[in-house]
Amino acid sequence: MSGHGRRPPARRRFGRAATHATTAAARVPEVGATLDRILALPRVDRMLGWLLDRPRAVQFAGILIGIVLVALALRPLIWPVDRPTTPAASSSGAAPVSAPVTVPLAQSAANSSEDEVVHVVAAYNQASIAAAALGRPDPMAPYLAPDGSSTWAEIQAEYQRRARRGESHEPALTRWGVLRIAVHADSATVETQEQWDDVTSIGGQVIGSRRGILTRNTYTLRRAVAPPRWLITDVATTAIIT
């Protein structure tokens, strides 16, 4: 043996090895190509061409669909459905037990009247949107008192002004809430806070677009005798954010 000892093996410094793992590339669905293939179908191409050649028919169809949706929303007010009442069954020989009355009759009648006037205000707002789409105030007429109401006359004058200018509006009620309700024998007042969007056009060209119009409105109603229903006699609007 030589006098020199065996040289100790060199210490390896193990670090993190950089490995290049090959992964399969994820296949991204070609949405654009799929859409192009769909649009290239003869039936789809003919249908789109037919619609582009008839813009007025498409506009009329949209208006018609809006009227149908409004009519469906107003159906419970025009044709109220009576809820069936189920009488309590009584066994023979048992003394009849009356159900506890939790709400006084006068308060129940007041709550019913409050619901009625709120429904009228909600229906009137939806009818005003339909009237703007049609360009005439007829959809609002069922909710306004024809006599002694300055609101109906003002609305008619406004739509006459729009007709002379060729002006059209596209309003949208984004949200609203009831602030106060006061119902008396044959009169009622509803205060609301409403937020609207409106796009104004003349001759098909947009001249103004307003978003987030915040208003405070006071609706005055009176009860008609025949047929018995609530009608709006006045609408006072105060602009909060224009």
Protein backbone atom coordinates (compact mmCIF):
# COMPACT_ATOMS: atom_id res chain seq x y z
CA MET A 1 0.00 0.00 0.00
CA SER A 2 1.23 3.47 -0.74
CA GLY A 3 1.59 5.99 1.99
CA HIS A 4 -1.04 8.20 0.46
CA GLY A 5 -4.54 7.42 1.60
CA ARG A 6 -7.34 6.93 -0.84
CA ARG A 7 -8.64 10.23 -1.97
CA PRO A 8 -12.13 10.82 -0.65
CA PRO A 9 -14.71 10.98 -3.34
CA ALA A 10 -15.73 14.47 -4.25
CA ARG A 11 -18.99 15.58 -2.67
CA ARG A 12 -21.65 16.30 -5.20
CA ARG A 13 -23.85 19.24 -4.70
CA PHE A 14 -27.29 18.14 -5.66
CA GLY A 15 -29.40 20.90 -7.01
CA ARG A 16 -32.78 20.93 -8.65
CA ALA A 17 -32.34 19.52 -12.08
CA ALA A 18 -34.06 21.40 -14.83
CA THR A 19 -36.17 18.86 -16.59
CA HIS A 20 -38.05 19.62 -19.71
CA ALA A 21 -41.21 17.57 -19.55
CA THR A 22 -43.04 17.43 -22.74
CA THR A 23 -46.76 17.95 -22.31
CA ALA A 24 -49.39 17.61 -24.92
CA ALA A 25 -50.63 20.96 -26.02
CA ALA A 26 -54.20 21.64 -24.98
CA ARG A 27 -56.50 21.86 -27.84
CA VAL A 28 -58.28 25.17 -27.87
CA PRO A 29 -61.68 24.93 -29.51
CA GLU A 30 -61.79 27.03 -32.59
CA VAL A 31 -64.91 29.01 -31.82
CA GLY A 32 -64.45 31.33 -34.75
CA ALA A 33 -64.09 28.47 -37.22
CA THR A 34 -67.17 26.75 -35.82
CA LEU A 35 -69.18 29.95 -36.15
CA ASP A 36 -67.96 30.39 -39.72
CA ARG A 37 -69.09 26.86 -40.58
CA ILE A 38 -72.52 27.52 -39.08
CA LEU A 39 -72.90 30.80 -40.96
CA ALA A 40 -71.82 29.09 -44.17
CA LEU A 41 -74.79 26.74 -44.06
CA PRO A 42 -77.17 27.55 -46.94
CA ARG A 43 -80.26 27.76 -44.74
CA VAL A 44 -78.60 30.05 -42.20
CA ASP A 45 -77.19 32.22 -44.97
CA ARG A 46 -80.57 32.56 -46.67
CA MET A 47 -82.31 33.34 -43.37
CA LEU A 48 -79.78 36.05 -42.46
CA GLY A 49 -80.01 37.54 -45.93
CA TRP A 50 -83.80 37.60 -45.71
CA LEU A 51 -83.65 39.39 -42.33
CA LEU A 52 -81.09 41.95 -43.55
CA ASP A 53 -83.28 42.74 -46.56
CA ARG A 54 -86.28 43.43 -44.28
CA PRO A 55 -85.17 45.65 -41.34
CA ARG A 56 -88.66 47.03 -40.84
CA ALA A 57 -90.10 43.54 -40.47
CA VAL A 58 -87.46 42.72 -37.83
CA GLN A 59 -88.26 45.96 -35.98
CA PHE A 60 -91.98 45.26 -36.13
CA ALA A 61 -91.43 41.72 -34.80
CA GLY A 62 -89.43 43.10 -31.87
CA ILE A 63 -92.18 45.61 -31.07
CA LEU A 64 -94.82 42.88 -31.31
CA ILE A 65 -92.88 40.65 -28.91
CA GLY A 66 -92.59 43.57 -26.47
CA ILE A 67 -96.35 44.17 -26.61
CA VAL A 68 -97.03 40.49 -25.96
CA LEU A 69 -94.71 40.51 -22.93
CA VAL A 70 -96.41 43.61 -21.54
CA ALA A 71 -99.85 42.06 -22.10
CA LEU A 72 -98.79 38.92 -20.23
CA ALA A 73 -97.46 41.05 -17.36
CA LEU A 74 -100.71 43.02 -17.16
CA ARG A 75 -103.01 40.00 -17.45
CA PRO A 76 -103.53 39.57 -13.66
CA LEU A 77 -104.74 43.18 -13.44
CA ILE A 78 -107.18 42.90 -16.35
CA TRP A 79 -108.48 39.40 -15.65
CA PRO A 80 -108.12 38.81 -11.92
CA VAL A 81 -108.26 35.15 -10.89
CA ASP A 82 -110.29 34.33 -7.82
CA ARG A 83 -108.48 32.10 -5.40
CA PRO A 84 -110.53 29.09 -4.31
CA THR A 85 -111.38 28.99 -0.67
CA THR A 86 -111.47 25.70 1.20
CA PRO A 87 -113.99 25.63 4.05
CA ALA A 88 -112.84 24.02 7.25
CA ALA A 89 -114.30 20.56 7.71
CA SER A 90 -116.24 19.99 10.94
CA SER A 91 -116.87 16.57 12.43
CA SER A 92 -120.29 15.68 13.75
CA GLY A 93 -120.66 16.16 17.47
CA ALA A 94 -117.70 18.50 17.75
CA ALA A 95 -118.20 22.12 18.62
CA PRO A 96 -117.21 24.45 15.78
CA VAL A 97 -113.92 26.18 16.46
CA SER A 98 -113.31 29.54 14.82
CA ALA A 99 -109.87 30.21 13.44
CA PRO A 100 -107.97 32.97 15.24
CA VAL A 101 -108.05 36.28 13.41
CA THR A 102 -104.51 37.58 13.21
CA VAL A 103 -105.17 40.62 11.00
CA PRO A 104 -108.17 42.94 11.51
CA LEU A 105 -110.54 43.17 8.59
CA ALA A 106 -110.00 46.91 8.20
CA GLN A 107 -106.23 46.44 8.07
CA SER A 108 -106.59 43.60 5.57
CA ALA A 109 -108.72 45.80 3.31
CA ALA A 110 -106.15 48.60 3.58
CA ASN A 111 -103.33 46.23 2.62
CA SER A 112 -105.36 45.03 -0.37
CA SER A 113 -105.92 48.63 -1.52
CA GLU A 114 -102.22 49.40 -1.15
CA ASP A 115 -101.33 46.40 -3.30
CA GLU A 116 -103.84 47.52 -5.94
CA VAL A 117 -102.44 51.05 -6.26
CA VAL A 118 -98.85 49.78 -6.38
CA HIS A 119 -99.83 47.34 -9.16
CA VAL A 120 -101.43 50.19 -11.11
CA VAL A 121 -98.26 52.30 -10.83
CA ALA A 122 -96.09 49.36 -11.91
CA ALA A 123 -98.38 48.60 -14.86
CA TYR A 124 -98.39 52.27 -15.87
CA ASN A 125 -94.58 52.35 -15.99
CA GLN A 126 -94.48 49.24 -18.18
CA ALA A 127 -97.18 50.72 -20.41
CA SER A 128 -95.13 53.92 -20.80
CA ILE A 129 -92.22 51.82 -22.12
CA ALA A 130 -94.52 50.14 -24.64
CA ALA A 131 -95.97 53.51 -25.66
CA ALA A 132 -92.48 54.88 -26.35
CA ALA A 133 -91.69 51.86 -28.53
CA LEU A 134 -94.92 52.31 -30.51
CA GLY A 135 -94.64 56.08 -30.74
CA ARG A 136 -98.16 56.70 -29.42
CA PRO A 137 -99.62 57.03 -25.90
CA ASP A 138 -102.46 54.50 -26.29
CA PRO A 139 -100.98 51.81 -23.96
CA MET A 140 -101.05 54.28 -21.04
CA ALA A 141 -104.70 55.27 -21.47
CA PRO A 142 -106.21 52.41 -19.35
CA TYR A 143 -104.32 53.64 -16.27
CA LEU A 144 -105.01 57.37 -16.55
CA ALA A 145 -108.21 59.18 -15.62
CA PRO A 146 -109.58 60.64 -18.87
CA ASP A 147 -111.44 63.54 -17.23
CA GLY A 148 -109.95 66.02 -14.81
CA SER A 149 -106.43 64.74 -15.39
CA SER A 150 -103.75 67.13 -16.59
CA THR A 151 -101.29 64.23 -16.92
CA TRP A 152 -103.15 62.61 -19.83
CA ALA A 153 -103.34 65.91 -21.70
CA GLU A 154 -99.62 66.55 -21.13
CA ILE A 155 -98.73 63.07 -22.37
CA GLN A 156 -100.78 63.53 -25.53
CA ALA A 157 -99.10 66.89 -26.18
CA GLU A 158 -95.65 65.34 -25.68
CA TYR A 159 -96.32 62.56 -28.19
CA GLN A 160 -97.65 65.08 -30.70
CA ARG A 161 -94.39 67.01 -30.32
CA ARG A 162 -92.38 63.83 -30.89
CA ALA A 163 -94.40 63.00 -33.99
CA ARG A 164 -93.75 66.44 -35.49
CA ARG A 165 -89.98 66.09 -34.96
CA GLY A 166 -89.77 62.43 -35.90
CA GLU A 167 -88.39 61.83 -32.42
CA SER A 168 -88.37 58.40 -30.80
CA HIS A 169 -87.34 57.20 -27.34
CA GLU A 170 -86.16 53.87 -25.94
CA PRO A 171 -86.69 54.08 -22.15
CA ALA A 172 -85.77 51.32 -19.71
CA LEU A 173 -86.71 51.18 -16.03
CA THR A 174 -83.63 49.67 -14.38
CA ARG A 175 -84.94 49.70 -10.80
CA TRP A 176 -87.54 51.34 -8.62
CA GLY A 177 -88.94 51.25 -5.10
CA VAL A 178 -91.95 52.50 -3.15
CA LEU A 179 -91.19 55.18 -0.55
CA ARG A 180 -94.67 55.86 0.83
CA ILE A 181 -98.28 54.80 0.29
CA ALA A 182 -101.36 56.62 1.58
CA VAL A 183 -104.79 55.19 0.76
CA HIS A 184 -108.06 56.88 1.73
CA ALA A 185 -111.65 56.06 0.83
CA ASP A 186 -111.51 56.93 -2.86
CA SER A 187 -108.06 58.52 -3.27
CA ALA A 188 -104.48 57.37 -2.89
CA THR A 189 -100.92 58.66 -3.15
CA VAL A 190 -97.85 56.60 -4.01
CA GLU A 191 -94.32 58.01 -3.78
CA THR A 192 -91.57 56.14 -5.64
CA GLN A 193 -87.92 56.46 -6.47
CA GLU A 194 -87.09 55.30 -9.99
CA GLN A 195 -83.97 54.90 -12.09
CA TRP A 196 -84.32 55.10 -15.86
CA ASP A 197 -82.17 54.84 -18.99
CA ASP A 198 -83.26 56.61 -22.18
CA VAL A 199 -81.96 56.72 -25.76
CA THR A 200 -83.34 59.51 -27.98
CA SER A 201 -83.28 59.31 -31.77
CA ILE A 202 -84.48 61.51 -34.62
CA GLY A 203 -84.97 59.95 -38.01
CA GLY A 204 -83.21 56.78 -36.86
CA GLN A 205 -80.09 58.66 -35.73
CA VAL A 206 -79.22 58.67 -32.02
CA ILE A 207 -78.94 62.22 -30.68
CA GLY A 208 -78.81 61.50 -26.96
CA SER A 209 -78.27 58.68 -24.49
CA ARG A 210 -78.75 59.07 -20.77
CA ARG A 211 -78.08 56.41 -18.16
CA GLY A 212 -79.01 56.24 -14.50
CA ILE A 213 -81.65 59.00 -14.48
CA LEU A 214 -82.83 59.04 -10.86
CA THR A 215 -86.23 60.59 -10.13
CA ARG A 216 -88.65 60.87 -7.24
CA ASN A 217 -92.26 60.54 -8.36
CA THR A 218 -95.58 61.19 -6.66
CA TYR A 219 -98.57 59.40 -8.20
CA THR A 220 -102.05 60.61 -7.29
CA LEU A 221 -104.87 58.12 -7.88
CA ARG A 222 -108.61 58.01 -7.48
CA ARG A 223 -111.00 55.09 -7.43
CA ALA A 224 -113.38 54.89 -10.37
CA VAL A 225 -116.93 53.73 -9.71
CA ALA A 226 -117.76 51.73 -12.84
CA PRO A 227 -115.82 49.60 -13.31
CA PRO A 228 -114.29 49.77 -9.82
CA ARG A 229 -110.57 50.39 -10.31
CA TRP A 230 -107.82 52.84 -9.47
CA LEU A 231 -106.83 55.46 -12.06
CA ILE A 232 -103.89 57.88 -12.05
CA THR A 233 -104.90 61.55 -12.08
CA ASP A 234 -101.50 63.21 -11.69
CA VAL A 235 -97.80 62.34 -11.80
CA ALA A 236 -95.33 64.80 -10.26
CA THR A 237 -91.66 64.06 -11.04
CA THR A 238 -88.63 65.57 -9.33
CA ALA A 239 -85.22 64.90 -10.92
CA ILE A 240 -82.51 63.82 -8.48
CA ILE A 241 -79.79 62.72 -10.94
CA THR A 242 -80.14 63.59 -14.62
